[in-house]
N, C-alpha and C. Protein backbone atom coordinates (compact mmCIF):
# COMPACT_ATOMS: atom_id res chain seq x y z
N MET A 1 0.90 -1.20 0.05
CA MET A 1 0.00 0.00 0.08
C MET A 1 0.86 1.16 0.00
N ASP A 2 0.96 1.98 -1.08
CA ASP A 2 1.82 3.11 -1.16
C ASP A 2 1.04 4.40 -0.56
N ARG A 3 1.89 5.05 0.01
CA ARG A 3 1.45 6.43 0.68
C ARG A 3 2.55 7.43 0.44
N ASP A 4 2.14 8.77 0.17
CA ASP A 4 3.04 9.78 0.04
C ASP A 4 3.95 9.87 1.31
N SER A 5 5.22 9.85 1.10
CA SER A 5 6.31 9.74 2.18
C SER A 5 6.70 11.15 2.66
N ALA A 6 6.17 12.18 2.01
CA ALA A 6 6.48 13.53 2.47
C ALA A 6 6.01 13.89 3.78
N PRO A 7 6.86 14.49 4.63
CA PRO A 7 6.29 14.87 5.91
C PRO A 7 5.01 15.65 5.96
N GLY A 8 4.20 15.24 6.71
CA GLY A 8 2.80 16.01 6.69
C GLY A 8 2.52 16.83 8.03
N TYR A 9 3.54 16.86 8.94
CA TYR A 9 3.15 17.41 10.19
C TYR A 9 4.26 18.48 10.49
N GLY A 10 3.99 19.13 11.59
CA GLY A 10 4.99 20.49 12.03
C GLY A 10 4.51 21.55 10.97
N LEU A 11 3.50 21.54 10.38
CA LEU A 11 3.11 22.66 9.62
C LEU A 11 1.99 23.55 10.19
N TRP A 12 2.63 24.30 11.23
CA TRP A 12 1.76 25.05 12.10
C TRP A 12 1.13 26.20 11.54
N SER A 13 1.66 26.80 10.54
CA SER A 13 0.98 27.73 9.59
C SER A 13 -0.29 27.27 9.14
N LEU A 14 -0.29 26.09 8.56
CA LEU A 14 -1.56 25.46 7.96
C LEU A 14 -2.63 25.19 9.07
N VAL A 15 -2.10 24.74 10.33
CA VAL A 15 -3.09 24.72 11.39
C VAL A 15 -3.77 26.10 11.72
N ILE A 16 -3.07 26.99 11.61
CA ILE A 16 -3.63 28.34 11.95
C ILE A 16 -4.45 28.87 10.67
N ILE A 17 -3.92 28.66 9.58
CA ILE A 17 -4.82 29.14 8.52
C ILE A 17 -6.03 28.33 8.14
N ASN A 18 -5.95 27.00 8.35
CA ASN A 18 -7.20 26.25 8.23
C ASN A 18 -8.04 26.45 9.28
N SER A 19 -7.61 26.61 10.46
CA SER A 19 -8.58 26.92 11.53
C SER A 19 -9.30 28.22 11.39
N LEU A 20 -8.50 29.32 11.04
CA LEU A 20 -9.22 30.51 10.88
C LEU A 20 -10.25 30.55 9.67
N VAL A 21 -9.84 29.93 8.59
CA VAL A 21 -10.81 29.92 7.48
C VAL A 21 -12.07 29.36 7.65
N PHE A 22 -12.02 27.97 8.47
CA PHE A 22 -13.27 27.34 8.72
C PHE A 22 -14.00 28.01 9.94
N ILE A 23 -13.31 28.66 10.87
CA ILE A 23 -13.98 29.34 11.95
C ILE A 23 -14.78 30.54 11.34
N ILE A 24 -14.00 31.31 10.59
CA ILE A 24 -14.47 32.46 9.96
C ILE A 24 -15.65 32.36 9.00
N PHE A 25 -15.65 31.11 8.29
CA PHE A 25 -16.57 30.71 7.48
C PHE A 25 -17.82 30.26 8.17
N ALA A 26 -17.75 29.57 9.17
CA ALA A 26 -18.76 29.16 10.10
C ALA A 26 -19.45 30.39 10.85
N PHE A 27 -18.62 31.41 11.17
CA PHE A 27 -19.02 32.63 11.86
C PHE A 27 -19.93 33.27 10.86
N SER A 28 -19.71 33.41 9.59
CA SER A 28 -20.28 34.30 8.71
C SER A 28 -21.72 33.66 8.56
N PHE A 29 -21.91 32.28 8.88
CA PHE A 29 -23.22 31.66 8.76
C PHE A 29 -24.03 31.56 9.96
N ALA A 30 -23.26 31.46 11.09
CA ALA A 30 -23.81 31.29 12.39
C ALA A 30 -24.37 32.61 13.00
N LYS A 31 -23.31 33.48 12.85
CA LYS A 31 -23.53 34.80 13.39
C LYS A 31 -24.05 34.92 14.86
N PRO A 32 -23.21 34.23 15.75
CA PRO A 32 -23.40 34.15 17.30
C PRO A 32 -23.94 35.59 17.68
N GLN A 33 -25.00 35.72 18.39
CA GLN A 33 -25.42 37.09 19.09
C GLN A 33 -25.33 36.89 20.66
N SER A 34 -26.22 35.91 21.17
CA SER A 34 -26.33 35.71 22.59
C SER A 34 -25.16 35.03 23.20
N SER A 35 -24.97 34.95 24.63
CA SER A 35 -23.98 34.22 25.12
C SER A 35 -24.27 32.69 24.81
N ARG A 36 -25.52 32.20 24.81
CA ARG A 36 -25.67 30.98 24.40
C ARG A 36 -25.22 30.60 23.11
N ASP A 37 -25.36 31.51 22.07
CA ASP A 37 -24.75 31.26 20.70
C ASP A 37 -23.39 31.26 20.74
N TRP A 38 -22.61 32.18 21.50
CA TRP A 38 -21.21 32.17 21.65
C TRP A 38 -20.72 30.77 22.20
N ARG A 39 -21.36 30.31 23.17
CA ARG A 39 -20.91 29.08 23.75
C ARG A 39 -20.87 27.86 22.72
N SER A 40 -22.06 27.83 22.05
CA SER A 40 -21.94 26.64 20.99
C SER A 40 -20.96 27.00 19.95
N PHE A 41 -20.71 28.14 19.55
CA PHE A 41 -19.89 28.55 18.43
C PHE A 41 -18.35 28.32 19.05
N GLY A 42 -18.23 28.59 20.18
CA GLY A 42 -16.76 28.52 20.75
C GLY A 42 -16.46 27.06 20.89
N ALA A 43 -17.34 26.23 21.34
CA ALA A 43 -17.13 24.79 21.33
C ALA A 43 -16.87 24.26 19.81
N PHE A 44 -17.61 24.53 18.99
CA PHE A 44 -17.44 24.22 17.70
C PHE A 44 -15.98 24.58 17.18
N SER A 45 -15.57 25.90 17.45
CA SER A 45 -14.35 26.38 17.08
C SER A 45 -13.27 25.44 17.72
N GLY A 46 -13.35 25.21 19.04
CA GLY A 46 -12.45 24.31 19.75
C GLY A 46 -12.28 22.91 18.99
N PHE A 47 -13.38 22.41 18.42
CA PHE A 47 -13.20 21.20 17.75
C PHE A 47 -12.43 21.38 16.50
N LEU A 48 -12.50 22.40 15.86
CA LEU A 48 -11.92 22.65 14.55
C LEU A 48 -10.39 22.81 14.83
N VAL A 49 -10.02 23.52 15.88
CA VAL A 49 -8.60 23.75 16.32
C VAL A 49 -7.98 22.34 16.65
N ALA A 50 -8.59 21.61 17.28
CA ALA A 50 -8.02 20.27 17.66
C ALA A 50 -8.05 19.44 16.60
N LEU A 51 -8.87 19.56 15.75
CA LEU A 51 -8.66 18.72 14.31
C LEU A 51 -7.58 19.14 13.56
N PHE A 52 -7.47 20.48 13.30
CA PHE A 52 -6.46 20.96 12.43
C PHE A 52 -4.96 20.70 13.02
N THR A 53 -5.07 20.88 14.37
CA THR A 53 -3.68 20.53 15.14
C THR A 53 -3.08 19.23 14.86
N GLU A 54 -4.09 18.28 14.77
CA GLU A 54 -3.49 16.84 14.68
C GLU A 54 -3.38 16.69 12.96
N MET A 55 -4.06 17.32 12.28
CA MET A 55 -4.01 17.08 10.66
C MET A 55 -2.79 17.77 10.22
N TYR A 56 -2.17 18.72 10.79
CA TYR A 56 -1.10 19.46 10.27
C TYR A 56 0.08 19.69 11.25
N GLY A 57 -0.33 19.84 12.51
CA GLY A 57 0.65 19.98 13.42
C GLY A 57 1.34 18.89 14.10
N PHE A 58 0.73 18.48 15.11
CA PHE A 58 1.36 17.17 15.85
C PHE A 58 0.27 16.00 15.88
N PRO A 59 0.54 14.88 15.31
CA PRO A 59 -0.27 13.80 15.07
C PRO A 59 -0.39 12.76 16.43
N LEU A 60 -1.10 13.34 17.32
CA LEU A 60 -1.23 12.64 18.59
C LEU A 60 -1.99 11.36 18.45
N THR A 61 -2.94 11.20 17.82
CA THR A 61 -3.55 9.98 17.73
C THR A 61 -2.78 8.78 17.17
N ILE A 62 -1.89 9.11 15.90
CA ILE A 62 -1.15 8.25 15.24
C ILE A 62 0.06 7.91 16.26
N TYR A 63 0.67 9.10 17.04
CA TYR A 63 1.67 8.90 17.97
C TYR A 63 1.27 7.68 19.11
N LEU A 64 -0.09 7.87 19.50
CA LEU A 64 -0.40 7.02 20.66
C LEU A 64 -0.70 5.61 20.09
N LEU A 65 -1.24 5.53 18.82
CA LEU A 65 -1.67 4.29 18.31
C LEU A 65 -0.55 3.59 17.41
N SER A 66 0.68 4.30 17.42
CA SER A 66 1.69 3.88 16.47
C SER A 66 2.21 2.47 16.60
N GLY A 67 2.27 1.78 17.77
CA GLY A 67 2.59 0.36 17.90
C GLY A 67 1.51 -0.58 17.22
N TRP A 68 0.24 -0.26 17.44
CA TRP A 68 -0.88 -1.01 16.87
C TRP A 68 -0.73 -0.78 15.26
N LEU A 69 -0.72 0.43 14.95
CA LEU A 69 -0.77 0.63 13.48
C LEU A 69 0.31 0.02 12.67
N SER A 70 1.58 0.21 13.28
CA SER A 70 2.72 -0.47 12.61
C SER A 70 2.57 -1.93 12.56
N ALA A 71 2.28 -2.47 13.68
CA ALA A 71 2.09 -4.09 13.57
C ALA A 71 0.94 -4.52 12.68
N ARG A 72 -0.10 -3.79 12.74
CA ARG A 72 -1.32 -4.32 11.86
C ARG A 72 -1.13 -3.80 10.30
N PHE A 73 -0.47 -2.74 10.21
CA PHE A 73 -0.32 -2.21 8.71
C PHE A 73 1.16 -1.94 8.41
N PRO A 74 2.02 -2.79 8.37
CA PRO A 74 3.49 -2.68 8.07
C PRO A 74 3.67 -2.08 6.73
N GLY A 75 4.87 -1.28 6.76
CA GLY A 75 5.36 -0.75 5.35
C GLY A 75 4.66 0.37 4.96
N ILE A 76 3.90 1.07 6.02
CA ILE A 76 3.41 2.49 5.75
C ILE A 76 4.00 3.56 6.59
N ASP A 77 4.27 4.57 5.92
CA ASP A 77 4.82 5.69 6.57
C ASP A 77 3.83 6.54 7.17
N TRP A 78 3.61 6.23 8.62
CA TRP A 78 2.50 6.98 9.41
C TRP A 78 2.79 8.38 9.51
N MET A 79 3.97 8.84 9.23
CA MET A 79 4.21 10.40 9.34
C MET A 79 3.81 11.14 7.95
N SER A 80 3.43 10.34 7.11
CA SER A 80 2.99 11.20 5.86
C SER A 80 1.53 11.65 5.89
N HIS A 81 1.19 12.65 5.30
CA HIS A 81 -0.15 13.23 5.42
C HIS A 81 -1.17 12.31 5.01
N ASP A 82 -0.94 11.60 3.81
CA ASP A 82 -2.01 10.74 3.18
C ASP A 82 -2.34 9.77 4.08
N SER A 83 -1.38 9.04 5.01
CA SER A 83 -1.63 8.01 5.96
C SER A 83 -2.41 8.37 7.10
N GLY A 84 -2.53 9.67 7.38
CA GLY A 84 -3.43 10.29 8.29
C GLY A 84 -4.76 10.05 8.11
N HIS A 85 -5.27 9.80 6.89
CA HIS A 85 -6.66 9.66 6.61
C HIS A 85 -6.84 8.13 6.86
N LEU A 86 -7.00 7.91 8.33
CA LEU A 86 -7.06 6.59 8.94
C LEU A 86 -8.02 5.63 8.31
N LEU A 87 -9.32 6.10 8.12
CA LEU A 87 -10.18 5.17 7.74
C LEU A 87 -9.94 4.64 6.22
N GLU A 88 -9.48 5.52 5.39
CA GLU A 88 -9.07 5.00 4.04
C GLU A 88 -7.89 4.04 4.20
N THR A 89 -6.91 4.34 5.12
CA THR A 89 -5.78 3.47 5.03
C THR A 89 -6.23 2.16 5.76
N ILE A 90 -7.07 2.13 6.90
CA ILE A 90 -7.19 0.91 7.48
C ILE A 90 -8.14 0.05 6.50
N PHE A 91 -9.00 0.70 5.85
CA PHE A 91 -9.79 -0.20 4.94
C PHE A 91 -9.39 -0.48 3.58
N GLY A 92 -8.04 -0.11 3.43
CA GLY A 92 -7.36 -0.70 2.34
C GLY A 92 -7.40 0.12 0.97
N TRP A 93 -7.79 1.58 1.03
CA TRP A 93 -8.03 2.31 -0.11
C TRP A 93 -6.47 2.61 -0.50
N LYS A 94 -6.09 2.23 -1.83
CA LYS A 94 -4.68 2.13 -2.25
C LYS A 94 -4.33 3.35 -2.89
N THR A 95 -5.32 4.26 -3.35
CA THR A 95 -4.86 5.28 -4.15
C THR A 95 -5.11 6.73 -3.42
N ASN A 96 -5.20 7.85 -3.94
CA ASN A 96 -5.15 9.08 -3.33
C ASN A 96 -6.24 9.02 -2.26
N PRO A 97 -6.11 9.17 -0.97
CA PRO A 97 -7.16 9.17 -0.09
C PRO A 97 -8.19 10.29 -0.19
N HIS A 98 -7.76 11.22 -0.84
CA HIS A 98 -8.69 12.59 -0.96
C HIS A 98 -9.96 12.01 -1.95
N TRP A 99 -9.77 11.08 -2.62
CA TRP A 99 -10.68 10.45 -3.43
C TRP A 99 -11.45 9.10 -2.91
N GLY A 100 -10.94 8.87 -1.76
CA GLY A 100 -11.64 7.66 -1.11
C GLY A 100 -12.98 7.93 -0.63
N PRO A 101 -13.68 6.72 -0.36
CA PRO A 101 -15.32 6.81 -0.11
C PRO A 101 -15.43 7.49 1.19
N PHE A 102 -14.57 7.50 2.12
CA PHE A 102 -14.91 8.26 3.51
C PHE A 102 -14.56 9.61 3.28
N HIS A 103 -13.69 9.96 2.43
CA HIS A 103 -13.44 11.37 2.31
C HIS A 103 -14.53 12.02 1.49
N ILE A 104 -15.08 11.29 0.41
CA ILE A 104 -16.39 11.83 -0.15
C ILE A 104 -17.58 11.97 0.81
N ILE A 105 -17.68 11.06 1.53
CA ILE A 105 -18.79 11.04 2.33
C ILE A 105 -18.61 12.33 3.34
N SER A 106 -17.27 12.66 3.85
CA SER A 106 -16.94 13.78 4.60
C SER A 106 -17.36 15.01 3.97
N ASN A 107 -16.83 15.17 2.74
CA ASN A 107 -17.19 16.28 1.84
C ASN A 107 -18.58 16.66 1.89
N ILE A 108 -19.43 15.55 1.55
CA ILE A 108 -20.90 15.87 1.51
C ILE A 108 -21.49 16.25 2.81
N LEU A 109 -21.05 15.57 3.88
CA LEU A 109 -21.62 16.10 5.26
C LEU A 109 -21.11 17.45 5.57
N ILE A 110 -19.90 17.88 5.21
CA ILE A 110 -19.44 19.16 5.69
C ILE A 110 -20.29 20.36 4.73
N VAL A 111 -20.25 19.92 3.63
CA VAL A 111 -21.05 20.83 2.61
C VAL A 111 -22.58 21.21 3.04
N ALA A 112 -23.10 19.94 3.36
CA ALA A 112 -24.47 19.98 3.85
C ALA A 112 -24.53 20.60 5.22
N GLY A 113 -23.64 20.64 6.16
CA GLY A 113 -23.64 21.33 7.28
C GLY A 113 -23.63 22.87 7.12
N PHE A 114 -22.60 23.17 6.24
CA PHE A 114 -22.54 24.69 6.10
C PHE A 114 -23.74 25.21 5.34
N TRP A 115 -24.29 24.40 4.36
CA TRP A 115 -25.61 24.92 3.80
C TRP A 115 -26.76 25.02 4.77
N LEU A 116 -26.76 24.18 5.68
CA LEU A 116 -27.80 24.22 6.63
C LEU A 116 -27.62 25.41 7.55
N LEU A 117 -26.35 25.78 7.96
CA LEU A 117 -26.10 26.90 8.78
C LEU A 117 -26.68 28.20 7.94
N ALA A 118 -26.18 28.32 6.74
CA ALA A 118 -26.47 29.57 5.98
C ALA A 118 -27.95 29.66 5.79
N SER A 119 -28.71 28.60 5.39
CA SER A 119 -30.17 28.75 4.98
C SER A 119 -30.76 28.98 6.36
N ALA A 120 -30.42 28.31 7.42
CA ALA A 120 -31.23 28.46 8.76
C ALA A 120 -31.07 30.03 9.15
N TRP A 121 -29.86 30.59 9.07
CA TRP A 121 -29.65 31.98 9.46
C TRP A 121 -30.52 32.84 8.80
N LYS A 122 -30.68 32.65 7.50
CA LYS A 122 -31.62 33.68 6.74
C LYS A 122 -32.88 33.66 7.30
N VAL A 123 -33.50 32.59 7.44
CA VAL A 123 -34.77 32.29 8.07
C VAL A 123 -34.92 33.00 9.50
N LEU A 124 -33.97 32.57 10.38
CA LEU A 124 -33.97 33.00 11.79
C LEU A 124 -33.85 34.45 11.85
N TYR A 125 -33.03 35.05 10.99
CA TYR A 125 -32.75 36.66 10.94
C TYR A 125 -34.03 37.28 10.71
N ALA A 126 -34.73 36.82 9.59
CA ALA A 126 -35.96 37.39 9.21
C ALA A 126 -37.06 37.30 10.12
N ALA A 127 -37.15 36.21 10.84
CA ALA A 127 -38.19 35.99 11.95
C ALA A 127 -37.81 36.88 13.12
N GLN A 128 -36.72 36.85 13.46
CA GLN A 128 -36.34 37.72 14.62
C GLN A 128 -36.72 39.29 14.34
N ARG A 129 -36.48 39.76 13.27
CA ARG A 129 -36.66 41.13 12.96
C ARG A 129 -38.18 41.39 12.93
N GLN A 130 -39.09 40.37 12.65
CA GLN A 130 -40.50 40.48 12.69
C GLN A 130 -41.00 39.95 14.02
N HIS A 131 -40.27 39.53 14.81
CA HIS A 131 -40.85 39.16 16.08
C HIS A 131 -41.89 37.91 15.88
N ARG A 132 -41.45 37.04 15.04
CA ARG A 132 -42.25 35.81 14.97
C ARG A 132 -41.46 34.62 15.04
N LEU A 133 -42.26 33.50 15.11
CA LEU A 133 -41.58 32.16 15.15
C LEU A 133 -41.11 31.85 13.91
N ALA A 134 -39.75 31.30 13.64
CA ALA A 134 -39.20 30.77 12.40
C ALA A 134 -39.74 29.30 12.24
N THR A 135 -40.51 29.13 11.16
CA THR A 135 -41.09 27.94 10.73
C THR A 135 -40.90 27.58 9.23
N SER A 136 -40.21 28.47 8.47
CA SER A 136 -40.09 27.97 7.08
C SER A 136 -38.59 27.66 6.81
N GLY A 137 -38.40 27.25 5.57
CA GLY A 137 -36.95 26.86 5.33
C GLY A 137 -36.64 25.55 5.98
N PRO A 138 -35.28 25.59 6.43
CA PRO A 138 -34.86 24.37 7.31
C PRO A 138 -35.77 24.32 8.64
N TYR A 139 -36.37 25.41 9.25
CA TYR A 139 -37.17 25.26 10.31
C TYR A 139 -38.49 24.46 10.18
N ALA A 140 -38.82 24.24 8.81
CA ALA A 140 -40.01 23.52 8.55
C ALA A 140 -39.88 22.11 8.79
N ARG A 141 -38.43 21.58 8.57
CA ARG A 141 -38.17 20.31 8.89
C ARG A 141 -37.65 19.91 10.35
N VAL A 142 -36.76 20.77 10.84
CA VAL A 142 -36.32 20.44 12.29
C VAL A 142 -36.23 21.88 12.98
N ARG A 143 -36.44 21.57 14.24
CA ARG A 143 -36.45 22.83 15.02
C ARG A 143 -35.14 23.47 15.41
N HIS A 144 -34.09 22.64 15.24
CA HIS A 144 -32.73 23.37 15.53
C HIS A 144 -31.82 23.17 14.37
N PRO A 145 -32.14 23.60 13.17
CA PRO A 145 -31.16 23.34 12.05
C PRO A 145 -29.69 23.93 12.42
N GLN A 146 -29.49 25.03 13.04
CA GLN A 146 -28.14 25.37 13.13
C GLN A 146 -27.41 24.41 13.88
N TYR A 147 -27.97 23.92 15.08
CA TYR A 147 -27.28 22.98 15.74
C TYR A 147 -26.89 21.56 14.97
N ALA A 148 -28.05 21.32 14.23
CA ALA A 148 -27.91 20.12 13.38
C ALA A 148 -26.82 20.29 12.20
N GLY A 149 -26.62 21.52 11.74
CA GLY A 149 -25.62 21.92 10.92
C GLY A 149 -24.22 21.78 11.70
N PHE A 150 -23.91 22.07 12.75
CA PHE A 150 -22.71 22.06 13.55
C PHE A 150 -22.36 20.54 13.69
N ILE A 151 -23.29 19.67 13.87
CA ILE A 151 -23.19 18.29 14.20
C ILE A 151 -22.76 17.56 12.90
N LEU A 152 -23.52 18.06 11.68
CA LEU A 152 -23.29 17.49 10.32
C LEU A 152 -21.64 17.76 10.08
N ILE A 153 -21.18 18.95 10.24
CA ILE A 153 -20.00 19.30 9.86
C ILE A 153 -18.79 18.55 10.82
N MET A 154 -18.99 18.48 12.14
CA MET A 154 -18.23 17.64 12.93
C MET A 154 -18.18 16.18 12.51
N THR A 155 -19.32 15.58 12.22
CA THR A 155 -19.40 14.19 11.77
C THR A 155 -18.52 14.02 10.49
N GLY A 156 -18.69 15.00 9.51
CA GLY A 156 -17.91 14.95 8.37
C GLY A 156 -16.40 14.92 8.50
N PHE A 157 -15.99 15.72 9.46
CA PHE A 157 -14.67 15.93 9.62
C PHE A 157 -14.16 14.67 10.49
N LEU A 158 -14.90 13.88 11.05
CA LEU A 158 -14.60 12.64 11.67
C LEU A 158 -14.34 11.58 10.68
N PHE A 159 -15.30 11.56 9.71
CA PHE A 159 -15.07 10.65 8.60
C PHE A 159 -13.75 10.90 7.76
N GLN A 160 -13.33 12.07 7.70
CA GLN A 160 -12.27 12.52 6.99
C GLN A 160 -10.88 12.30 7.72
N TRP A 161 -10.79 12.72 9.05
CA TRP A 161 -9.61 12.80 9.76
C TRP A 161 -10.19 12.50 11.32
N PRO A 162 -10.28 11.14 11.57
CA PRO A 162 -10.68 10.89 13.02
C PRO A 162 -9.45 10.93 13.85
N THR A 163 -9.66 11.47 15.04
CA THR A 163 -8.69 11.56 16.12
C THR A 163 -9.26 11.26 17.48
N LEU A 164 -8.41 10.77 18.27
CA LEU A 164 -8.86 10.42 19.62
C LEU A 164 -9.45 11.59 20.39
N VAL A 165 -8.76 12.78 20.18
CA VAL A 165 -9.31 14.04 20.80
C VAL A 165 -10.65 14.46 20.39
N THR A 166 -10.87 14.51 18.91
CA THR A 166 -12.11 15.00 18.52
C THR A 166 -13.22 13.84 18.69
N LEU A 167 -12.81 12.55 18.68
CA LEU A 167 -13.96 11.58 18.96
C LEU A 167 -14.35 11.76 20.42
N ALA A 168 -13.39 12.21 21.22
CA ALA A 168 -13.66 12.39 22.74
C ALA A 168 -14.76 13.59 22.85
N MET A 169 -14.43 14.60 22.02
CA MET A 169 -15.09 15.79 22.20
C MET A 169 -16.34 15.82 21.42
N PHE A 170 -16.69 14.96 20.47
CA PHE A 170 -17.96 14.93 19.80
C PHE A 170 -19.13 14.70 20.57
N PRO A 171 -19.14 13.41 21.55
CA PRO A 171 -20.42 13.29 22.19
C PRO A 171 -20.60 14.50 23.26
N ILE A 172 -19.56 14.99 23.71
CA ILE A 172 -19.60 16.10 24.74
C ILE A 172 -20.20 17.47 24.09
N LEU A 173 -19.90 17.66 22.90
CA LEU A 173 -20.28 18.71 22.14
C LEU A 173 -21.80 18.55 21.71
N VAL A 174 -22.15 17.26 21.27
CA VAL A 174 -23.52 16.97 21.04
C VAL A 174 -24.38 16.98 22.33
N PHE A 175 -23.98 16.62 23.34
CA PHE A 175 -24.83 16.84 24.64
C PHE A 175 -25.06 18.26 24.97
N MET A 176 -23.96 18.96 24.76
CA MET A 176 -24.01 20.61 24.91
C MET A 176 -25.09 21.10 24.01
N TYR A 177 -25.16 20.77 22.85
CA TYR A 177 -26.06 21.20 21.86
C TYR A 177 -27.53 20.90 22.21
N LEU A 178 -27.62 19.58 22.66
CA LEU A 178 -29.02 19.18 23.15
C LEU A 178 -29.43 20.02 24.30
N HIS A 179 -28.37 20.27 25.28
CA HIS A 179 -28.84 21.00 26.46
C HIS A 179 -29.31 22.55 26.01
N LEU A 180 -28.41 23.13 25.11
CA LEU A 180 -28.76 24.50 24.72
C LEU A 180 -30.14 24.44 23.94
N ALA A 181 -30.45 23.52 23.22
CA ALA A 181 -31.65 23.31 22.34
C ALA A 181 -32.95 23.40 23.43
N ARG A 182 -32.70 22.56 24.45
CA ARG A 182 -33.86 22.56 25.60
C ARG A 182 -34.05 23.93 26.14
N ARG A 183 -33.00 24.57 26.42
CA ARG A 183 -33.03 25.95 26.89
C ARG A 183 -33.78 27.00 26.04
N GLU A 184 -33.38 26.83 24.76
CA GLU A 184 -33.92 27.56 23.73
C GLU A 184 -35.37 27.39 23.52
N GLU A 185 -35.83 26.05 23.66
CA GLU A 185 -37.14 25.64 23.58
C GLU A 185 -37.99 26.23 24.83
N ARG A 186 -37.43 26.10 25.92
CA ARG A 186 -38.02 26.69 27.03
C ARG A 186 -38.46 28.18 26.96
N ASP A 187 -37.53 28.85 26.39
CA ASP A 187 -37.65 30.35 26.00
C ASP A 187 -38.75 30.69 24.93
N ALA A 188 -38.74 29.63 23.91
CA ALA A 188 -39.72 29.92 22.86
C ALA A 188 -41.09 29.60 23.39
N ARG A 189 -41.24 28.46 24.17
CA ARG A 189 -42.61 28.29 24.72
C ARG A 189 -43.17 29.47 25.55
N ALA A 190 -42.40 30.08 26.18
CA ALA A 190 -42.58 31.24 27.09
C ALA A 190 -43.04 32.47 26.23
N GLN A 191 -42.40 32.57 24.99
CA GLN A 191 -42.60 33.77 24.15
C GLN A 191 -43.73 33.52 23.29
N PHE A 192 -43.69 32.27 22.58
CA PHE A 192 -44.75 32.06 21.65
C PHE A 192 -45.99 31.19 21.85
N ARG A 193 -45.91 30.62 23.16
CA ARG A 193 -46.97 29.90 23.78
C ARG A 193 -47.66 28.72 22.95
N ASP A 194 -48.90 28.87 22.43
CA ASP A 194 -49.58 27.72 21.81
C ASP A 194 -48.94 27.64 20.35
N ALA A 195 -48.44 28.78 19.77
CA ALA A 195 -47.76 28.66 18.43
C ALA A 195 -46.73 27.81 18.49
N TYR A 196 -45.95 27.89 19.47
CA TYR A 196 -44.62 26.95 19.55
C TYR A 196 -45.05 25.53 19.96
N THR A 197 -45.94 25.37 20.74
CA THR A 197 -46.58 24.09 21.14
C THR A 197 -46.89 23.30 19.86
N ARG A 198 -47.68 23.95 18.98
CA ARG A 198 -48.05 23.23 17.90
C ARG A 198 -46.96 23.08 16.74
N TYR A 199 -46.03 23.97 16.71
CA TYR A 199 -44.84 23.76 15.93
C TYR A 199 -44.06 22.63 16.51
N GLU A 200 -43.81 22.50 17.91
CA GLU A 200 -43.09 21.47 18.31
C GLU A 200 -43.59 20.08 18.30
N ALA A 201 -44.86 20.09 18.25
CA ALA A 201 -45.67 18.74 18.11
C ALA A 201 -45.58 18.22 16.73
N ASN A 202 -45.20 19.13 15.63
CA ASN A 202 -45.30 18.71 14.28
C ASN A 202 -43.91 18.68 13.65
N THR A 203 -42.77 19.15 14.45
CA THR A 203 -41.60 19.21 13.73
C THR A 203 -40.63 18.56 14.69
N PRO A 204 -39.79 17.70 14.22
CA PRO A 204 -38.72 17.05 15.05
C PRO A 204 -37.54 17.92 15.43
N ALA A 205 -36.78 17.70 16.48
CA ALA A 205 -35.65 18.57 16.94
C ALA A 205 -34.60 18.66 15.97
N PHE A 206 -34.02 17.51 15.56
CA PHE A 206 -32.81 17.45 14.68
C PHE A 206 -32.78 16.76 13.53
N PHE A 207 -33.56 15.63 13.43
CA PHE A 207 -33.70 14.69 12.40
C PHE A 207 -35.13 14.92 11.68
N PRO A 208 -35.12 15.19 10.36
CA PRO A 208 -36.37 15.47 9.69
C PRO A 208 -37.17 14.17 9.58
N TRP A 209 -38.44 14.39 9.57
CA TRP A 209 -39.45 13.33 9.20
C TRP A 209 -39.72 13.48 7.64
N PHE A 210 -39.02 12.92 6.84
CA PHE A 210 -39.26 13.12 5.37
C PHE A 210 -40.58 12.88 4.97
N GLY A 211 -41.10 13.73 4.26
CA GLY A 211 -42.46 13.72 3.66
C GLY A 211 -43.36 14.55 4.54
N LEU A 212 -42.95 14.98 5.72
CA LEU A 212 -43.88 15.76 6.52
C LEU A 212 -43.25 17.18 6.71
N LYS A 213 -44.24 18.11 7.05
CA LYS A 213 -43.85 19.41 7.14
C LYS A 213 -44.53 19.95 8.31
N ALA A 214 -43.72 20.96 9.03
CA ALA A 214 -44.18 21.42 10.22
C ALA A 214 -45.44 22.40 9.86
N HIS A 215 -46.40 22.56 10.79
CA HIS A 215 -47.36 23.56 10.82
C HIS A 215 -47.40 24.28 12.00
N ALA A 216 -47.21 25.57 11.83
CA ALA A 216 -47.31 26.42 12.97
C ALA A 216 -48.54 27.17 13.16
């Protein structure tokens, strides 16, 4: 199994550049305003920094698993960037991992997540300006499309570049988003009362019921 042997780590400028690009990109869509928004965005940003630190800086996961990886997959230069795409390597993808099945799935999930963030923000911003409940666009399918977008993006990156740190962070962040979503729902019930009760009864929180549409 051939892998590019060029060193792929210690590239701290790429850690900074990639972290900033994705964080700023997400910020332009999420546009956090409340302290609750900033907590969710800050946690997401921490996930990205941890991810790119291992992707281009120091490969902590590969270092900790080096004994098992070398024994199970001999002949691979684990310090090359291509070998860091662990799922493609472990499942035997022999050519460029950027065209591997897990990387393609990753790209689809990441693009879908950013699209969800962008489209949800437009609907939410218009609803907030008009002091009404957001129920159109992505909000017609799920009650928390922005949190769902963050989860899709993180899931996509886990398919592309799984690390021990981000795998540990993922369930913690999902739990945090669930907690923040419940707090938002309490506030929405207090503000919109029966309208939100009807909306909540017809619209799932994070995963859409395909074929059904919320009615507020």
